[in-house]
Amino acid sequence: MEWLDTASIGFIVIFLGTLFLFGELLVKARGLFALLGIGMTAMYFLHHLTGDSGFWVIILYLIGIVLIILDGKLFSDGTVGIIGVILMIVGLAIPAPTLVYGILVAMAFVLGAFGSLFFLKVFTRRQMWSKLTFKDRLTSERGYNSINVSYKELVGKEGKTMNALRPTGTITIDGQPYSATSGGQWIEAEAEITVTSVDGTRILVAKVENKEE
């Protein structure tokens, strides 16, 4: 496989190998992408492995794959996956015969990894990446509330300012205190107000004009 001594050929082999290998991790390809990816990457390693680099670079590469899979299944925050990607790049670059070859191989890996994202438009996504790609929306129906959804029920209700809003301060509605803003309008203390809108925990109020006692 002398043709693999050419850096441009090595670039293509690693690009396609990474493209299909990551494609198998991202989508359900029934093992076809895995076979193509492993086959091309194996050709690269078999041709370039020498006594100087040894088979430990393959172990490094495989550990990187394991970390990426663990990140998708357990952690889902990308941190462990990034470490895995770095290990895979190092494992590919070390056996390269020249510095230029190693740089091209690293570039091919990165481009192949990003290129595999296009498979998501064609094939069914693997469930283990659902959290990392925000497939599971953080909605109140799923119990992931990060704000008090009862704030939405305050719209239209009336209350009083506990202190002057300049433009922020404290109001009371149905005996409960809330932090609110008048949106730039100055409202004195003990003034009658109404809630005009709620955005998350930001309560916007307006003064009730000419309210009858």
Protein backbone atom coordinates (compact mmCIF):
# COMPACT_ATOMS: atom_id res chain seq x y z
CA MET A 1 0.00 0.00 0.00
CA GLU A 2 2.70 2.43 -1.05
CA TRP A 3 0.02 4.85 -2.17
CA LEU A 4 -0.59 5.60 1.50
CA ASP A 5 2.89 7.19 1.65
CA THR A 6 1.37 10.17 -0.14
CA ALA A 7 0.01 12.71 2.32
CA SER A 8 -2.96 13.66 0.11
CA ILE A 9 -4.04 10.01 -0.09
CA GLY A 10 -3.70 9.66 3.65
CA PHE A 11 -5.85 12.75 4.03
CA ILE A 12 -8.62 11.20 1.93
CA VAL A 13 -8.44 7.84 3.72
CA ILE A 14 -8.66 9.38 7.20
CA PHE A 15 -11.35 11.81 6.11
CA LEU A 16 -13.56 9.01 4.79
CA GLY A 17 -12.70 6.70 7.68
CA THR A 18 -13.64 9.34 10.24
CA LEU A 19 -16.71 10.37 8.25
CA PHE A 20 -18.13 6.86 8.32
CA LEU A 21 -16.97 5.98 11.83
CA PHE A 22 -18.56 9.07 13.37
CA GLY A 23 -21.54 8.56 11.11
CA GLU A 24 -22.06 5.15 12.73
CA LEU A 25 -21.91 6.76 16.18
CA LEU A 26 -24.43 9.44 15.22
CA VAL A 27 -27.00 7.53 13.17
CA LYS A 28 -28.39 4.04 12.81
CA ALA A 29 -26.49 2.71 9.79
CA ARG A 30 -26.80 -1.01 10.65
CA GLY A 31 -23.04 -1.38 10.98
CA LEU A 32 -22.23 -0.48 7.38
CA PHE A 33 -20.61 2.83 8.27
CA ALA A 34 -18.68 1.14 11.07
CA LEU A 35 -17.20 -1.43 8.67
CA LEU A 36 -16.17 1.26 6.20
CA GLY A 37 -14.72 3.51 8.88
CA ILE A 38 -12.83 0.78 10.69
CA GLY A 39 -11.56 -0.67 7.40
CA MET A 40 -10.11 2.60 6.16
CA THR A 41 -8.61 3.54 9.51
CA ALA A 42 -7.11 0.07 9.89
CA MET A 43 -5.39 0.42 6.52
CA TYR A 44 -3.81 3.65 7.69
CA PHE A 45 -2.55 2.16 10.94
CA LEU A 46 -1.29 -1.09 9.39
CA HIS A 47 0.74 0.82 6.82
CA HIS A 48 2.24 3.43 9.12
CA LEU A 49 2.77 1.60 12.39
CA THR A 50 6.46 1.08 13.14
CA GLY A 51 8.52 0.00 16.09
CA ASP A 52 8.94 3.62 17.10
CA SER A 53 5.24 4.39 17.46
CA GLY A 54 4.07 0.90 18.33
CA PHE A 55 0.55 -0.33 18.79
CA TRP A 56 -0.03 1.95 21.77
CA VAL A 57 -1.27 4.63 19.37
CA ILE A 58 -4.09 2.27 18.39
CA ILE A 59 -4.95 1.88 22.07
CA LEU A 60 -4.95 5.68 22.34
CA TYR A 61 -7.28 5.91 19.35
CA LEU A 62 -9.63 3.25 20.75
CA ILE A 63 -9.73 4.93 24.17
CA GLY A 64 -10.82 8.11 22.38
CA ILE A 65 -13.72 6.26 20.74
CA VAL A 66 -14.75 4.77 24.08
CA LEU A 67 -14.74 8.19 25.74
CA ILE A 68 -16.94 9.62 22.99
CA ILE A 69 -19.44 6.77 23.38
CA LEU A 70 -19.43 7.15 27.18
CA ASP A 71 -20.07 10.86 26.80
CA GLY A 72 -23.10 10.18 24.65
CA LYS A 73 -24.50 7.51 26.96
CA LEU A 74 -23.64 8.83 30.43
CA PHE A 75 -22.43 12.40 30.58
CA SER A 76 -23.97 14.19 27.59
CA ASP A 77 -22.15 17.47 28.22
CA GLY A 78 -19.43 17.09 25.58
CA THR A 79 -16.44 17.42 27.93
CA VAL A 80 -15.43 13.75 27.93
CA GLY A 81 -16.18 13.56 24.22
CA ILE A 82 -13.74 16.40 23.48
CA ILE A 83 -11.01 14.55 25.38
CA GLY A 84 -11.80 11.48 23.30
CA VAL A 85 -11.54 13.47 20.07
CA ILE A 86 -8.12 14.83 21.11
CA LEU A 87 -6.86 11.32 21.88
CA MET A 88 -8.04 10.08 18.50
CA ILE A 89 -6.30 12.94 16.68
CA VAL A 90 -3.05 12.30 18.57
CA GLY A 91 -3.33 8.58 17.82
CA LEU A 92 -3.65 9.29 14.10
CA ALA A 93 -1.00 12.01 13.86
CA ILE A 94 1.83 10.23 15.69
CA PRO A 95 2.33 7.41 13.12
CA ALA A 96 2.42 9.92 10.23
CA PRO A 97 5.84 9.83 8.49
CA THR A 98 6.18 13.62 8.26
CA LEU A 99 4.93 16.69 10.09
CA VAL A 100 2.94 17.83 7.06
CA TYR A 101 1.37 14.39 6.77
CA GLY A 102 0.43 14.50 10.46
CA ILE A 103 -1.15 17.95 10.12
CA LEU A 104 -3.16 16.83 7.09
CA VAL A 105 -4.34 13.72 8.94
CA ALA A 106 -5.47 15.84 11.89
CA MET A 107 -7.33 18.17 9.53
CA ALA A 108 -8.91 15.19 7.76
CA PHE A 109 -10.15 13.87 11.11
CA VAL A 110 -11.76 17.18 12.08
CA LEU A 111 -13.38 17.65 8.66
CA GLY A 112 -14.60 14.05 8.62
CA ALA A 113 -16.11 14.42 12.10
CA PHE A 114 -17.98 17.59 11.12
CA GLY A 115 -18.96 16.09 7.77
CA SER A 116 -20.65 13.17 9.52
CA LEU A 117 -23.24 15.60 10.88
CA PHE A 118 -24.83 15.65 7.43
CA PHE A 119 -25.87 12.03 7.98
CA LEU A 120 -28.31 13.33 10.59
CA LYS A 121 -30.36 14.84 7.77
CA VAL A 122 -30.73 11.48 6.05
CA PHE A 123 -30.62 8.71 8.64
CA THR A 124 -32.30 8.09 11.99
CA ARG A 125 -30.45 9.65 14.92
CA ARG A 126 -29.16 7.42 17.69
CA GLN A 127 -30.99 8.00 20.98
CA MET A 128 -27.80 8.23 23.03
CA TRP A 129 -27.13 11.68 21.54
CA SER A 130 -30.59 13.07 22.30
CA LYS A 131 -29.51 15.03 25.40
CA LEU A 132 -26.31 16.34 23.84
CA THR A 133 -28.22 17.67 20.82
CA PHE A 134 -31.10 18.99 22.96
CA LYS A 135 -33.60 16.65 21.38
CA ASP A 136 -35.30 16.34 24.76
CA ARG A 137 -36.65 19.84 25.26
CA LEU A 138 -36.58 21.30 28.75
CA THR A 139 -40.31 21.84 29.00
CA SER A 140 -42.68 22.07 31.91
CA GLU A 141 -44.53 19.01 30.62
CA ARG A 142 -41.34 16.96 31.07
CA GLY A 143 -40.69 18.35 34.54
CA TYR A 144 -37.56 20.34 33.72
CA ASN A 145 -38.84 23.74 34.94
CA SER A 146 -36.04 26.22 35.59
CA ILE A 147 -38.47 29.01 36.53
CA ASN A 148 -41.63 29.24 38.54
CA VAL A 149 -44.32 28.67 35.90
CA SER A 150 -46.92 30.09 38.29
CA TYR A 151 -45.53 33.52 37.41
CA LYS A 152 -47.40 33.26 34.12
CA GLU A 153 -50.66 33.27 36.06
CA LEU A 154 -49.87 36.73 37.43
CA VAL A 155 -50.57 38.44 34.10
CA GLY A 156 -53.60 40.68 34.52
CA LYS A 157 -53.61 40.54 38.31
CA GLU A 158 -53.51 43.67 40.43
CA GLY A 159 -51.50 44.42 43.54
CA LYS A 160 -49.53 47.10 45.32
CA THR A 161 -45.97 48.33 45.38
CA MET A 162 -44.19 47.75 48.68
CA ASN A 163 -41.59 50.34 47.80
CA ALA A 164 -41.00 52.73 44.93
CA LEU A 165 -40.20 51.13 41.57
CA ARG A 166 -37.22 53.03 40.07
CA PRO A 167 -37.81 51.06 37.90
CA THR A 168 -37.37 47.85 39.94
CA GLY A 169 -38.70 47.05 43.37
CA THR A 170 -41.03 44.80 45.31
CA ILE A 171 -44.76 44.34 44.84
CA THR A 172 -47.39 42.29 46.59
CA ILE A 173 -50.10 40.32 44.83
CA ASP A 174 -52.61 38.31 46.86
CA GLY A 175 -50.40 38.82 49.89
CA GLN A 176 -47.29 37.40 48.19
CA PRO A 177 -44.18 39.54 47.54
CA TYR A 178 -42.57 39.58 44.08
CA SER A 179 -39.66 41.40 42.50
CA ALA A 180 -40.95 43.47 39.60
CA THR A 181 -40.04 46.24 37.18
CA SER A 182 -42.04 49.09 35.74
CA GLY A 183 -40.01 49.15 32.55
CA GLY A 184 -38.66 52.67 33.09
CA GLN A 185 -41.70 54.28 34.69
CA TRP A 186 -41.34 55.59 38.25
CA ILE A 187 -44.08 54.27 40.53
CA GLU A 188 -44.35 55.38 44.12
CA ALA A 189 -44.76 53.08 47.12
CA GLU A 190 -48.24 51.80 48.03
CA ALA A 191 -49.45 52.46 44.49
CA GLU A 192 -51.99 50.20 42.80
CA ILE A 193 -50.39 48.24 39.93
CA THR A 194 -51.34 45.57 37.42
CA VAL A 195 -49.12 42.92 35.87
CA THR A 196 -48.87 43.50 32.13
CA SER A 197 -46.48 40.70 31.14
CA VAL A 198 -44.19 38.00 32.50
CA ASP A 199 -40.95 36.85 30.88
CA GLY A 200 -39.41 34.05 32.91
CA THR A 201 -39.15 35.55 36.38
CA ARG A 202 -39.23 39.12 35.11
CA ILE A 203 -42.56 40.68 36.05
CA LEU A 204 -43.50 43.86 34.22
CA VAL A 205 -46.10 46.04 35.89
CA ALA A 206 -47.91 49.30 35.19
CA LYS A 207 -49.56 51.76 37.50
CA VAL A 208 -53.38 51.61 37.67
CA GLU A 209 -54.53 55.07 36.81
CA ASN A 210 -57.67 56.62 38.36
CA LYS A 211 -58.45 53.54 40.42
CA GLU A 212 -61.52 54.08 42.53
CA GLU A 213 -61.05 53.55 46.27
